[in-house]
C-alpha cells in the first residue's frame, strides 16, 4: 500500500449532507421544526374556522341591515311621493277656490261701482278740473326789502302762495280718494250731502 492510499478522502457535499442528516442533533432539530409547523398549522386552521364563522355572521347581519335600510329608503320615498301628490291636490284646490273668490269679489265690486250714485263721477271730474286750475294759481310776488333799524341789515324776501296751493292740491287728492271709496258704500242716499261737505272743506288759495 502506498502512502497516497493511506490518506483518507474528503467527503463531497452530498456525502457531508448525508452524514449530517444521520446525526441525532439534526434529527432532533428536524423533529422540533416539524412540531412547530404542525402547531402553526393547527392554530391557523382554528383561526380560519373561527374567522369563517364570524364572516358568515357578519354577512348575514350586513344583508339584514342593508335590507332594512333600503326598506326605510323606499318607505320614505313613497311617503315623499304621497306628500307631493297631496300637496299638488291641495294647491290645485286652494288655487281654484282663490280664483272663485276673486271672481265673486270682482263681480260684487263691479255691481257696486256700476250702481253707485252718478254724482260721484261728476264730483271726481269736478275735482280733476279743480286740480288743474289750482296748479295754475301759484304766484310769486315781488321782492320785499326791509331794513333792520338796529343792525341796518337789509332782508330780502319774496312773497308766494305756494304753501296754500300745496295744501289745496293735497285736499283735492284726499277728496277724490274719499269719493272713490263712497262708490263701495251700500247706502248711497247720503252721498250727495257728503260730496258737498268735501267741496266746502277744500281750502282756498291765498
N, C-alpha and C. Protein backbone atom coordinates (compact mmCIF):
# COMPACT_ATOMS: atom_id res chain seq x y z
N UNK A 1 0.86 -1.19 0.00
CA UNK A 1 0.00 0.00 0.00
C UNK A 1 0.89 1.24 0.00
N UNK A 2 0.59 2.09 -0.89
CA UNK A 2 1.39 3.30 -0.98
C UNK A 2 0.91 4.32 0.04
N UNK A 3 1.74 5.38 0.23
CA UNK A 3 1.39 6.43 1.19
C UNK A 3 0.12 7.15 0.77
N UNK A 4 -0.10 7.33 -0.52
CA UNK A 4 -1.29 8.02 -1.01
C UNK A 4 -2.55 7.25 -0.62
N UNK A 5 -2.45 5.96 -0.68
CA UNK A 5 -3.62 5.15 -0.38
C UNK A 5 -3.99 5.24 1.08
N UNK A 6 -3.06 5.63 1.98
CA UNK A 6 -3.37 5.73 3.42
C UNK A 6 -4.04 7.06 3.77
N UNK A 7 -4.05 8.06 2.88
CA UNK A 7 -4.65 9.39 3.18
C UNK A 7 -6.16 9.29 2.99
N UNK A 8 -6.95 9.60 4.04
CA UNK A 8 -8.42 9.49 3.89
C UNK A 8 -8.95 10.52 2.89
N UNK A 9 -9.98 10.18 2.15
CA UNK A 9 -10.58 11.08 1.16
C UNK A 9 -11.52 12.07 1.83
N UNK A 10 -11.62 13.29 1.27
CA UNK A 10 -12.52 14.34 1.80
C UNK A 10 -13.90 14.12 1.21
N UNK A 11 -14.96 14.00 2.05
CA UNK A 11 -16.30 13.75 1.51
C UNK A 11 -16.80 14.96 0.73
N UNK A 12 -17.55 14.69 -0.32
CA UNK A 12 -18.13 15.80 -1.10
C UNK A 12 -19.39 16.30 -0.42
N UNK A 13 -20.10 17.23 -1.08
CA UNK A 13 -21.26 17.89 -0.46
C UNK A 13 -22.37 16.91 -0.14
N UNK A 14 -22.67 16.03 -1.07
CA UNK A 14 -23.74 15.07 -0.84
C UNK A 14 -23.43 14.13 0.29
N UNK A 15 -22.17 13.76 0.38
CA UNK A 15 -21.77 12.87 1.45
C UNK A 15 -21.84 13.59 2.79
N UNK A 16 -21.43 14.87 2.76
CA UNK A 16 -21.49 15.65 4.01
C UNK A 16 -22.93 15.80 4.47
N UNK A 17 -23.87 16.06 3.55
CA UNK A 17 -25.29 16.20 3.88
C UNK A 17 -25.84 14.91 4.45
N UNK A 18 -25.44 13.83 3.86
CA UNK A 18 -25.91 12.51 4.32
C UNK A 18 -25.42 12.24 5.73
N UNK A 19 -24.16 12.65 5.99
CA UNK A 19 -23.60 12.43 7.32
C UNK A 19 -24.36 13.26 8.35
N UNK A 20 -24.63 14.54 7.98
CA UNK A 20 -25.33 15.43 8.91
C UNK A 20 -26.75 14.96 9.18
N UNK A 21 -27.43 14.49 8.13
CA UNK A 21 -28.81 14.03 8.30
C UNK A 21 -28.88 12.84 9.24
N UNK A 22 -27.83 12.11 9.29
CA UNK A 22 -27.85 10.93 10.16
C UNK A 22 -27.53 11.24 11.59
N UNK A 23 -27.12 12.48 11.89
CA UNK A 23 -26.76 12.83 13.27
C UNK A 23 -28.00 13.04 14.11
N UNK A 24 -27.87 12.77 15.40
CA UNK A 24 -29.01 12.94 16.33
C UNK A 24 -29.38 14.40 16.48
N UNK A 25 -28.42 15.31 16.39
CA UNK A 25 -28.69 16.74 16.53
C UNK A 25 -29.61 17.23 15.42
N UNK A 26 -29.25 16.81 14.20
CA UNK A 26 -30.07 17.23 13.06
C UNK A 26 -31.45 16.60 13.14
N UNK A 27 -31.52 15.35 13.55
CA UNK A 27 -32.81 14.67 13.65
C UNK A 27 -33.70 15.36 14.68
N UNK A 28 -33.10 15.78 15.76
CA UNK A 28 -33.86 16.48 16.80
C UNK A 28 -34.36 17.83 16.31
N UNK A 29 -33.47 18.55 15.58
CA UNK A 29 -33.87 19.86 15.06
C UNK A 29 -35.01 19.73 14.06
N UNK A 30 -34.91 18.70 13.22
CA UNK A 30 -35.97 18.49 12.24
C UNK A 30 -37.28 18.13 12.93
N UNK A 31 -37.20 17.36 13.98
CA UNK A 31 -38.41 16.97 14.71
C UNK A 31 -39.05 18.19 15.37
N UNK A 32 -38.20 19.05 15.97
CA UNK A 32 -38.72 20.26 16.60
C UNK A 32 -39.36 21.19 15.58
N UNK A 33 -38.73 21.32 14.41
CA UNK A 33 -39.29 22.18 13.36
C UNK A 33 -40.63 21.64 12.87
N UNK A 34 -40.68 20.30 12.69
CA UNK A 34 -41.93 19.69 12.25
C UNK A 34 -43.02 19.90 13.27
N UNK A 35 -42.66 19.85 14.56
CA UNK A 35 -43.64 20.06 15.62
C UNK A 35 -44.16 21.49 15.61
N UNK A 36 -43.23 22.48 15.41
CA UNK A 36 -43.65 23.88 15.36
C UNK A 36 -44.58 24.14 14.18
N UNK A 37 -44.21 23.56 13.05
CA UNK A 37 -45.04 23.75 11.85
C UNK A 37 -46.42 23.15 12.06
N UNK A 38 -46.44 21.96 12.68
CA UNK A 38 -47.74 21.31 12.94
C UNK A 38 -48.60 22.17 13.86
N UNK A 39 -47.97 22.78 14.87
CA UNK A 39 -48.72 23.63 15.79
C UNK A 39 -49.23 24.89 15.09
N UNK A 40 -48.35 25.48 14.26
CA UNK A 40 -48.77 26.66 13.50
C UNK A 40 -49.94 26.35 12.58
N UNK A 41 -49.90 25.22 11.93
CA UNK A 41 -50.99 24.83 11.02
C UNK A 41 -52.29 24.60 11.80
N UNK A 42 -52.12 23.99 13.00
CA UNK A 42 -53.29 23.75 13.83
C UNK A 42 -53.94 25.07 14.22
N UNK A 43 -53.10 26.03 14.67
CA UNK A 43 -53.63 27.34 15.06
C UNK A 43 -54.24 28.07 13.87
N UNK A 44 -53.57 27.98 12.70
CA UNK A 44 -54.09 28.63 11.50
C UNK A 44 -55.43 28.05 11.10
N UNK A 45 -55.56 26.72 11.21
CA UNK A 45 -56.82 26.07 10.86
C UNK A 45 -57.94 26.50 11.81
N UNK A 46 -57.60 26.59 13.11
CA UNK A 46 -58.59 27.05 14.08
C UNK A 46 -59.00 28.50 13.79
N UNK A 47 -58.00 29.36 13.46
CA UNK A 47 -58.31 30.75 13.12
C UNK A 47 -59.19 30.84 11.89
N UNK A 48 -58.91 30.03 10.87
CA UNK A 48 -59.74 30.01 9.67
C UNK A 48 -61.17 29.65 10.00
N UNK A 49 -61.36 28.64 10.86
CA UNK A 49 -62.71 28.20 11.20
C UNK A 49 -63.47 29.29 11.96
N UNK A 50 -62.78 29.90 12.96
CA UNK A 50 -63.44 30.97 13.73
C UNK A 50 -63.76 32.17 12.84
N UNK A 51 -62.77 32.57 12.04
CA UNK A 51 -62.97 33.73 11.18
C UNK A 51 -64.06 33.49 10.15
N UNK A 52 -64.13 32.27 9.63
CA UNK A 52 -65.17 31.96 8.65
C UNK A 52 -66.55 32.05 9.28
N UNK A 53 -66.68 31.61 10.53
CA UNK A 53 -67.96 31.73 11.23
C UNK A 53 -68.33 33.20 11.42
N UNK A 54 -67.31 34.00 11.83
CA UNK A 54 -67.56 35.42 12.03
C UNK A 54 -67.93 36.11 10.71
N UNK A 55 -67.25 35.75 9.64
CA UNK A 55 -67.58 36.31 8.32
C UNK A 55 -69.01 35.97 7.92
N UNK A 56 -69.42 34.76 8.18
CA UNK A 56 -70.78 34.34 7.82
C UNK A 56 -71.81 35.12 8.63
N UNK A 57 -71.56 35.26 9.95
CA UNK A 57 -72.48 36.01 10.80
C UNK A 57 -72.55 37.47 10.37
N UNK A 58 -71.36 38.05 10.10
CA UNK A 58 -71.32 39.45 9.67
C UNK A 58 -72.05 39.64 8.35
N UNK A 59 -71.86 38.70 7.42
CA UNK A 59 -72.52 38.81 6.11
C UNK A 59 -74.03 38.78 6.25
N UNK A 60 -74.52 37.86 7.11
CA UNK A 60 -75.98 37.77 7.32
C UNK A 60 -76.51 39.03 7.99
N UNK A 61 -75.76 39.51 9.02
CA UNK A 61 -76.20 40.73 9.71
C UNK A 61 -76.14 41.93 8.76
N UNK A 62 -75.09 41.99 7.93
CA UNK A 62 -74.94 43.08 6.96
C UNK A 62 -76.10 43.08 5.97
N UNK A 63 -76.42 41.90 5.45
CA UNK A 63 -77.53 41.82 4.49
C UNK A 63 -78.84 42.27 5.14
N UNK A 64 -79.04 41.89 6.40
CA UNK A 64 -80.27 42.29 7.10
C UNK A 64 -80.33 43.81 7.27
N UNK A 65 -79.18 44.40 7.70
CA UNK A 65 -79.15 45.86 7.90
C UNK A 65 -79.38 46.59 6.58
N UNK A 66 -78.74 46.11 5.53
CA UNK A 66 -78.90 46.75 4.22
C UNK A 66 -80.34 46.65 3.73
N UNK A 67 -80.94 45.49 3.96
CA UNK A 67 -82.34 45.30 3.54
C UNK A 67 -83.26 46.24 4.32
N UNK A 68 -83.01 46.37 5.63
CA UNK A 68 -83.84 47.26 6.46
C UNK A 68 -83.64 48.72 6.03
N UNK A 69 -82.36 49.08 5.76
CA UNK A 69 -82.10 50.46 5.32
C UNK A 69 -82.76 50.76 3.99
N UNK A 70 -82.69 49.80 3.05
CA UNK A 70 -83.33 50.00 1.75
C UNK A 70 -84.84 50.09 1.89
N UNK A 71 -85.40 49.27 2.78
CA UNK A 71 -86.85 49.32 3.01
C UNK A 71 -87.24 50.69 3.58
N UNK A 72 -86.39 51.22 4.48
CA UNK A 72 -86.67 52.55 5.05
C UNK A 72 -86.59 53.62 3.97
N UNK A 73 -85.62 53.49 3.07
CA UNK A 73 -85.49 54.46 1.97
C UNK A 73 -86.72 54.40 1.07
N UNK A 74 -87.14 53.19 0.73
CA UNK A 74 -88.31 53.02 -0.14
C UNK A 74 -89.56 53.57 0.52
N UNK A 75 -89.69 53.33 1.84
CA UNK A 75 -90.85 53.86 2.57
C UNK A 75 -90.82 55.38 2.60
N UNK A 76 -89.62 55.94 2.83
CA UNK A 76 -89.50 57.39 2.85
C UNK A 76 -89.79 57.99 1.47
N UNK A 77 -89.32 57.33 0.43
CA UNK A 77 -89.58 57.81 -0.93
C UNK A 77 -91.06 57.77 -1.25
N UNK A 78 -91.72 56.70 -0.83
CA UNK A 78 -93.17 56.58 -1.06
C UNK A 78 -93.92 57.67 -0.28
N UNK A 79 -93.47 57.90 0.98
CA UNK A 79 -94.11 58.95 1.77
C UNK A 79 -93.91 60.31 1.12
N UNK A 80 -92.69 60.55 0.58
CA UNK A 80 -92.42 61.81 -0.10
C UNK A 80 -93.28 61.95 -1.34
N UNK A 81 -93.39 60.88 -2.11
CA UNK A 81 -94.24 60.92 -3.31
C UNK A 81 -95.69 61.18 -2.94
N UNK A 82 -96.17 60.51 -1.89
CA UNK A 82 -97.56 60.70 -1.44
C UNK A 82 -97.76 62.14 -0.97
N UNK A 83 -96.75 62.68 -0.26
CA UNK A 83 -96.88 64.06 0.23
C UNK A 83 -96.91 65.05 -0.92
N UNK A 84 -96.10 64.79 -1.96
CA UNK A 84 -96.10 65.67 -3.12
C UNK A 84 -97.43 65.62 -3.85
N UNK A 85 -97.98 64.43 -3.97
CA UNK A 85 -99.30 64.30 -4.62
C UNK A 85 -100.36 65.04 -3.81
N UNK A 86 -100.31 64.85 -2.47
CA UNK A 86 -101.28 65.53 -1.61
C UNK A 86 -101.12 67.04 -1.69
N UNK A 87 -99.86 67.51 -1.74
CA UNK A 87 -99.61 68.95 -1.85
C UNK A 87 -100.15 69.49 -3.17
N UNK A 88 -99.93 68.73 -4.24
CA UNK A 88 -100.43 69.16 -5.54
C UNK A 88 -101.95 69.27 -5.54
N UNK A 89 -102.62 68.31 -4.92
CA UNK A 89 -104.08 68.35 -4.87
C UNK A 89 -104.55 69.53 -4.03
N UNK A 90 -103.87 69.76 -2.88
CA UNK A 90 -104.23 70.89 -2.02
C UNK A 90 -104.00 72.22 -2.73
N UNK A 91 -102.85 72.31 -3.42
CA UNK A 91 -102.54 73.53 -4.15
C UNK A 91 -103.57 73.81 -5.24
N UNK A 92 -103.94 72.76 -5.96
CA UNK A 92 -104.94 72.93 -7.02
C UNK A 92 -106.29 73.36 -6.45
N UNK A 93 -106.68 72.71 -5.34
CA UNK A 93 -107.97 73.04 -4.73
C UNK A 93 -107.97 74.47 -4.20
N UNK A 94 -106.88 74.85 -3.52
CA UNK A 94 -106.79 76.22 -2.98
C UNK A 94 -106.76 77.26 -4.09
N UNK A 95 -106.02 76.94 -5.16
CA UNK A 95 -105.94 77.87 -6.28
C UNK A 95 -107.31 78.04 -6.94
N UNK A 96 -108.01 76.95 -7.08
CA UNK A 96 -109.34 77.01 -7.69
C UNK A 96 -110.29 77.83 -6.82
N UNK A 97 -110.23 77.59 -5.50
CA UNK A 97 -111.11 78.35 -4.60
C UNK A 97 -110.74 79.83 -4.61
N UNK A 98 -109.43 80.12 -4.65
CA UNK A 98 -109.00 81.52 -4.68
C UNK A 98 -109.51 82.23 -5.93
N UNK A 99 -109.44 81.54 -7.07
CA UNK A 99 -109.96 82.12 -8.31
C UNK A 99 -111.47 82.36 -8.21
N UNK A 100 -112.17 81.43 -7.62
CA UNK A 100 -113.62 81.60 -7.47
C UNK A 100 -113.94 82.79 -6.57
N UNK A 101 -113.19 82.90 -5.44
CA UNK A 101 -113.44 84.01 -4.52
C UNK A 101 -113.10 85.35 -5.17
N UNK A 102 -111.98 85.37 -5.92
CA UNK A 102 -111.60 86.60 -6.62
C UNK A 102 -112.66 87.00 -7.64
N UNK A 103 -113.17 85.99 -8.37
CA UNK A 103 -114.19 86.27 -9.38
C UNK A 103 -115.47 86.81 -8.73
N UNK A 104 -115.85 86.19 -7.61
CA UNK A 104 -117.06 86.64 -6.91
C UNK A 104 -116.86 88.05 -6.35
N UNK A 105 -115.65 88.31 -5.81
CA UNK A 105 -115.37 89.65 -5.26
C UNK A 105 -115.38 90.69 -6.37
N UNK A 106 -114.74 90.36 -7.49
CA UNK A 106 -114.69 91.31 -8.61
C UNK A 106 -116.09 91.59 -9.15
N UNK A 107 -116.91 90.55 -9.22
CA UNK A 107 -118.27 90.73 -9.73
C UNK A 107 -119.08 91.62 -8.79
N UNK A 108 -118.93 91.36 -7.47
CA UNK A 108 -119.67 92.17 -6.50
C UNK A 108 -119.19 93.62 -6.54
N UNK A 109 -117.87 93.81 -6.68
CA UNK A 109 -117.31 95.15 -6.77
C UNK A 109 -117.80 95.87 -8.02
N UNK A 110 -117.87 95.12 -9.12
CA UNK A 110 -118.35 95.71 -10.37
C UNK A 110 -119.77 96.22 -10.21
N UNK A 111 -120.62 95.43 -9.54
CA UNK A 111 -122.01 95.83 -9.33
C UNK A 111 -122.06 97.11 -8.49
N UNK A 112 -121.24 97.16 -7.42
CA UNK A 112 -121.24 98.35 -6.56
C UNK A 112 -120.78 99.58 -7.33
N UNK A 113 -119.74 99.41 -8.15
CA UNK A 113 -119.23 100.56 -8.90
C UNK A 113 -120.22 101.04 -9.95
N UNK A 114 -120.84 100.09 -10.64
CA UNK A 114 -121.75 100.47 -11.73
C UNK A 114 -123.05 101.06 -11.21
N UNK A 115 -123.42 100.72 -9.98
CA UNK A 115 -124.70 101.22 -9.44
C UNK A 115 -124.49 102.34 -8.43
N UNK A 116 -123.27 102.86 -8.34
CA UNK A 116 -123.02 103.94 -7.39
C UNK A 116 -123.70 105.23 -7.87
N UNK A 117 -123.84 106.17 -6.95
CA UNK A 117 -124.51 107.43 -7.27
C UNK A 117 -123.74 108.16 -8.38
N UNK A 118 -124.43 108.58 -9.46
CA UNK A 118 -123.76 109.27 -10.57
C UNK A 118 -123.06 110.56 -10.16
N UNK A 119 -123.49 111.13 -9.04
CA UNK A 119 -122.87 112.39 -8.61
C UNK A 119 -121.40 112.19 -8.21
N UNK A 120 -121.03 110.94 -7.91
CA UNK A 120 -119.64 110.69 -7.54
C UNK A 120 -118.73 110.92 -8.74
N UNK A 121 -119.13 110.37 -9.90
CA UNK A 121 -118.32 110.56 -11.11
C UNK A 121 -118.23 112.04 -11.47
N UNK A 122 -119.37 112.77 -11.33
CA UNK A 122 -119.36 114.20 -11.62
C UNK A 122 -118.43 114.94 -10.65
N UNK A 123 -118.46 114.53 -9.38
CA UNK A 123 -117.62 115.17 -8.38
C UNK A 123 -116.13 114.94 -8.69
N UNK A 124 -115.80 113.72 -9.07
CA UNK A 124 -114.39 113.41 -9.38
C UNK A 124 -113.94 114.23 -10.59
N UNK A 125 -114.79 114.35 -11.58
CA UNK A 125 -114.45 115.17 -12.74
C UNK A 125 -114.26 116.62 -12.34
N UNK A 126 -115.13 117.08 -11.46
CA UNK A 126 -115.03 118.44 -10.97
C UNK A 126 -113.70 118.66 -10.23
N UNK A 127 -113.32 117.69 -9.42
CA UNK A 127 -112.08 117.79 -8.65
C UNK A 127 -110.85 117.75 -9.56
N UNK A 128 -110.93 116.99 -10.64
CA UNK A 128 -109.82 116.95 -11.58
C UNK A 128 -109.62 118.33 -12.23
N UNK A 129 -110.75 118.98 -12.55
CA UNK A 129 -110.66 120.35 -13.09
C UNK A 129 -110.10 121.30 -12.05
N UNK A 130 -110.55 121.11 -10.80
CA UNK A 130 -110.06 121.98 -9.73
C UNK A 130 -108.56 121.78 -9.51
N UNK A 131 -108.12 120.56 -9.68
CA UNK A 131 -106.68 120.24 -9.56
C UNK A 131 -105.87 121.02 -10.62
N UNK A 132 -106.36 120.94 -11.86
CA UNK A 132 -105.65 121.64 -12.94
C UNK A 132 -105.67 123.14 -12.71
N UNK A 133 -106.82 123.69 -12.27
CA UNK A 133 -106.90 125.14 -12.04
C UNK A 133 -106.01 125.56 -10.88
N UNK A 134 -105.97 124.75 -9.83
CA UNK A 134 -105.18 125.10 -8.64
C UNK A 134 -103.70 125.16 -8.96
N UNK A 135 -103.24 124.24 -9.81
CA UNK A 135 -101.82 124.23 -10.17
C UNK A 135 -101.41 125.53 -10.87
N UNK A 136 -102.38 126.19 -11.51
CA UNK A 136 -102.09 127.44 -12.21
C UNK A 136 -102.12 128.65 -11.28
N UNK A 137 -102.54 128.43 -10.02
CA UNK A 137 -102.70 129.56 -9.10
C UNK A 137 -101.42 129.96 -8.38
N UNK A 138 -100.36 129.23 -8.60
CA UNK A 138 -99.12 129.57 -7.90
C UNK A 138 -98.65 130.96 -8.32
N UNK A 139 -98.38 131.79 -7.35
CA UNK A 139 -98.00 133.17 -7.63
C UNK A 139 -96.76 133.53 -6.82
N UNK A 140 -95.80 134.11 -7.52
CA UNK A 140 -94.59 134.57 -6.85
C UNK A 140 -94.58 136.10 -6.95
N UNK A 141 -94.71 136.73 -5.83
CA UNK A 141 -94.84 138.18 -5.80
C UNK A 141 -93.50 138.89 -5.92
N UNK A 142 -93.51 140.20 -5.83
CA UNK A 142 -92.28 140.99 -5.93
C UNK A 142 -91.44 140.84 -4.66
N UNK A 143 -90.20 141.24 -4.79
CA UNK A 143 -89.30 141.20 -3.63
C UNK A 143 -89.76 142.21 -2.59
N UNK A 144 -89.65 141.81 -1.37
CA UNK A 144 -89.96 142.71 -0.25
C UNK A 144 -88.68 142.94 0.51
N UNK A 145 -88.23 144.19 0.55
CA UNK A 145 -86.99 144.54 1.24
C UNK A 145 -87.33 145.30 2.53
N UNK A 146 -86.64 144.89 3.57
CA UNK A 146 -86.83 145.59 4.85
C UNK A 146 -85.46 145.74 5.51
N UNK A 147 -85.30 146.90 6.21
CA UNK A 147 -84.02 147.14 6.86
C UNK A 147 -84.21 147.08 8.37
N UNK A 148 -83.32 146.35 9.02
CA UNK A 148 -83.34 146.26 10.47
C UNK A 148 -82.86 147.59 11.05
N UNK A 149 -83.71 148.19 11.86
CA UNK A 149 -83.40 149.52 12.38
C UNK A 149 -82.21 149.51 13.32
N UNK A 150 -81.91 148.36 13.86
CA UNK A 150 -80.79 148.29 14.82
C UNK A 150 -79.50 147.95 14.11
N UNK A 151 -79.53 146.87 13.33
CA UNK A 151 -78.29 146.42 12.67
C UNK A 151 -78.08 147.07 11.33
N UNK A 152 -79.15 147.56 10.75
CA UNK A 152 -79.03 148.17 9.43
C UNK A 152 -78.99 147.14 8.31
N UNK A 153 -79.13 145.86 8.65
CA UNK A 153 -79.06 144.81 7.64
C UNK A 153 -80.35 144.79 6.84
N UNK A 154 -80.20 144.59 5.52
CA UNK A 154 -81.35 144.56 4.62
C UNK A 154 -81.78 143.11 4.42
N UNK A 155 -83.03 142.82 4.69
CA UNK A 155 -83.58 141.48 4.47
C UNK A 155 -84.44 141.50 3.22
N UNK A 156 -84.22 140.47 2.36
CA UNK A 156 -84.97 140.37 1.12
C UNK A 156 -85.81 139.11 1.16
N UNK A 157 -87.09 139.23 0.93
CA UNK A 157 -87.99 138.06 0.89
C UNK A 157 -88.90 138.20 -0.32
N UNK A 158 -89.39 137.02 -0.78
CA UNK A 158 -90.29 137.01 -1.94
C UNK A 158 -91.62 136.44 -1.51
N UNK A 159 -92.66 137.18 -1.71
CA UNK A 159 -94.00 136.74 -1.33
C UNK A 159 -94.48 135.66 -2.30
N UNK A 160 -95.04 134.55 -1.74
CA UNK A 160 -95.53 133.45 -2.58
C UNK A 160 -96.69 132.75 -1.89
N UNK A 161 -97.59 132.22 -2.69
CA UNK A 161 -98.73 131.48 -2.15
C UNK A 161 -98.56 129.97 -2.37
N UNK A 162 -97.33 129.51 -2.58
CA UNK A 162 -97.09 128.10 -2.91
C UNK A 162 -97.55 127.15 -1.81
N UNK A 163 -97.45 127.60 -0.56
CA UNK A 163 -97.87 126.74 0.55
C UNK A 163 -99.37 126.48 0.50
N UNK A 164 -100.16 127.53 0.29
CA UNK A 164 -101.62 127.35 0.23
C UNK A 164 -102.02 126.56 -1.01
N UNK A 165 -101.26 126.69 -2.11
CA UNK A 165 -101.54 125.90 -3.31
C UNK A 165 -101.33 124.42 -3.01
N UNK A 166 -100.23 124.10 -2.34
CA UNK A 166 -99.94 122.70 -2.00
C UNK A 166 -101.01 122.13 -1.07
N UNK A 167 -101.46 122.94 -0.12
CA UNK A 167 -102.49 122.47 0.80
C UNK A 167 -103.79 122.15 0.06
N UNK A 168 -104.15 123.01 -0.91
CA UNK A 168 -105.40 122.77 -1.65
C UNK A 168 -105.24 121.52 -2.54
N UNK A 169 -104.09 121.36 -3.17
CA UNK A 169 -103.88 120.18 -4.02
C UNK A 169 -103.97 118.89 -3.20
N UNK A 170 -103.39 118.92 -2.01
CA UNK A 170 -103.47 117.75 -1.13
C UNK A 170 -104.92 117.46 -0.74
N UNK A 171 -105.67 118.50 -0.43
CA UNK A 171 -107.08 118.32 -0.05
C UNK A 171 -107.88 117.77 -1.23
N UNK A 172 -107.58 118.21 -2.45
CA UNK A 172 -108.29 117.71 -3.63
C UNK A 172 -108.00 116.22 -3.83
N UNK A 173 -106.74 115.83 -3.65
CA UNK A 173 -106.39 114.40 -3.78
C UNK A 173 -107.17 113.56 -2.76
N UNK A 174 -107.21 114.04 -1.52
CA UNK A 174 -107.95 113.32 -0.49
C UNK A 174 -109.44 113.25 -0.80
N UNK A 175 -109.99 114.32 -1.34
CA UNK A 175 -111.42 114.35 -1.68
C UNK A 175 -111.73 113.33 -2.78
N UNK A 176 -110.85 113.24 -3.77
CA UNK A 176 -111.05 112.26 -4.85
C UNK A 176 -110.99 110.84 -4.29
N UNK A 177 -110.04 110.59 -3.39
CA UNK A 177 -109.91 109.26 -2.80
C UNK A 177 -111.16 108.90 -2.00
N UNK A 178 -111.66 109.84 -1.23
CA UNK A 178 -112.86 109.57 -0.44
C UNK A 178 -114.07 109.34 -1.34
N UNK A 179 -114.14 110.07 -2.43
CA UNK A 179 -115.26 109.89 -3.36
C UNK A 179 -115.20 108.50 -4.00
N UNK A 180 -114.00 108.06 -4.37
CA UNK A 180 -113.86 106.71 -4.93
C UNK A 180 -114.33 105.65 -3.94
N UNK A 181 -113.99 105.84 -2.67
CA UNK A 181 -114.39 104.87 -1.65
C UNK A 181 -115.90 104.88 -1.43
N UNK A 182 -116.54 106.03 -1.66
CA UNK A 182 -118.00 106.11 -1.49
C UNK A 182 -118.74 105.19 -2.47
N UNK A 183 -118.12 104.89 -3.60
CA UNK A 183 -118.77 104.03 -4.59
C UNK A 183 -119.06 102.64 -4.02
N UNK A 184 -118.29 102.21 -3.02
CA UNK A 184 -118.45 100.88 -2.45
C UNK A 184 -119.38 100.85 -1.25
N UNK A 185 -119.85 102.02 -0.83
CA UNK A 185 -120.79 102.06 0.29
C UNK A 185 -122.13 101.50 -0.14
N UNK A 186 -122.73 100.70 0.72
CA UNK A 186 -124.03 100.09 0.39
C UNK A 186 -125.11 101.17 0.30
N UNK A 187 -125.15 102.05 1.30
CA UNK A 187 -126.15 103.12 1.31
C UNK A 187 -125.60 104.33 0.56
N UNK A 188 -126.24 104.65 -0.55
CA UNK A 188 -125.79 105.78 -1.38
C UNK A 188 -126.65 107.03 -1.16
N UNK A 189 -127.58 106.94 -0.24
CA UNK A 189 -128.52 108.06 -0.08
C UNK A 189 -127.85 109.33 0.44
N UNK A 190 -126.79 109.19 1.22
CA UNK A 190 -126.14 110.36 1.80
C UNK A 190 -124.95 110.84 0.98
N UNK A 191 -124.72 110.23 -0.17
CA UNK A 191 -123.54 110.57 -0.98
C UNK A 191 -123.53 112.04 -1.39
N UNK A 192 -124.61 112.58 -1.97
CA UNK A 192 -124.58 113.99 -2.39
C UNK A 192 -124.22 114.94 -1.25
N UNK A 193 -124.77 114.67 -0.09
CA UNK A 193 -124.50 115.53 1.07
C UNK A 193 -123.02 115.43 1.47
N UNK A 194 -122.49 114.23 1.45
CA UNK A 194 -121.08 114.04 1.83
C UNK A 194 -120.13 114.67 0.81
N UNK A 195 -120.53 114.61 -0.47
CA UNK A 195 -119.70 115.23 -1.50
C UNK A 195 -119.69 116.75 -1.35
N UNK A 196 -120.84 117.29 -1.00
CA UNK A 196 -120.91 118.73 -0.82
C UNK A 196 -120.05 119.17 0.36
N UNK A 197 -120.01 118.33 1.39
CA UNK A 197 -119.18 118.65 2.55
C UNK A 197 -117.70 118.68 2.15
N UNK A 198 -117.31 117.75 1.27
CA UNK A 198 -115.92 117.74 0.80
C UNK A 198 -115.61 119.02 0.02
N UNK A 199 -116.59 119.47 -0.77
CA UNK A 199 -116.38 120.72 -1.52
C UNK A 199 -116.16 121.88 -0.58
N UNK A 200 -117.03 121.93 0.44
CA UNK A 200 -116.99 123.07 1.37
C UNK A 200 -115.70 123.10 2.18
N UNK A 201 -115.09 121.93 2.39
CA UNK A 201 -113.91 121.84 3.24
C UNK A 201 -112.60 122.08 2.47
N UNK A 202 -112.69 122.22 1.16
CA UNK A 202 -111.47 122.47 0.39
C UNK A 202 -110.89 123.83 0.76
N UNK A 203 -109.64 123.90 1.11
CA UNK A 203 -109.05 125.20 1.46
C UNK A 203 -108.89 126.07 0.20
N UNK A 204 -108.97 127.37 0.41
CA UNK A 204 -108.81 128.29 -0.72
C UNK A 204 -107.35 128.70 -0.80
N UNK A 205 -106.97 129.12 -2.00
CA UNK A 205 -105.61 129.58 -2.22
C UNK A 205 -105.54 131.06 -1.85
N UNK A 206 -104.59 131.39 -1.01
CA UNK A 206 -104.47 132.80 -0.59
C UNK A 206 -103.71 133.59 -1.65
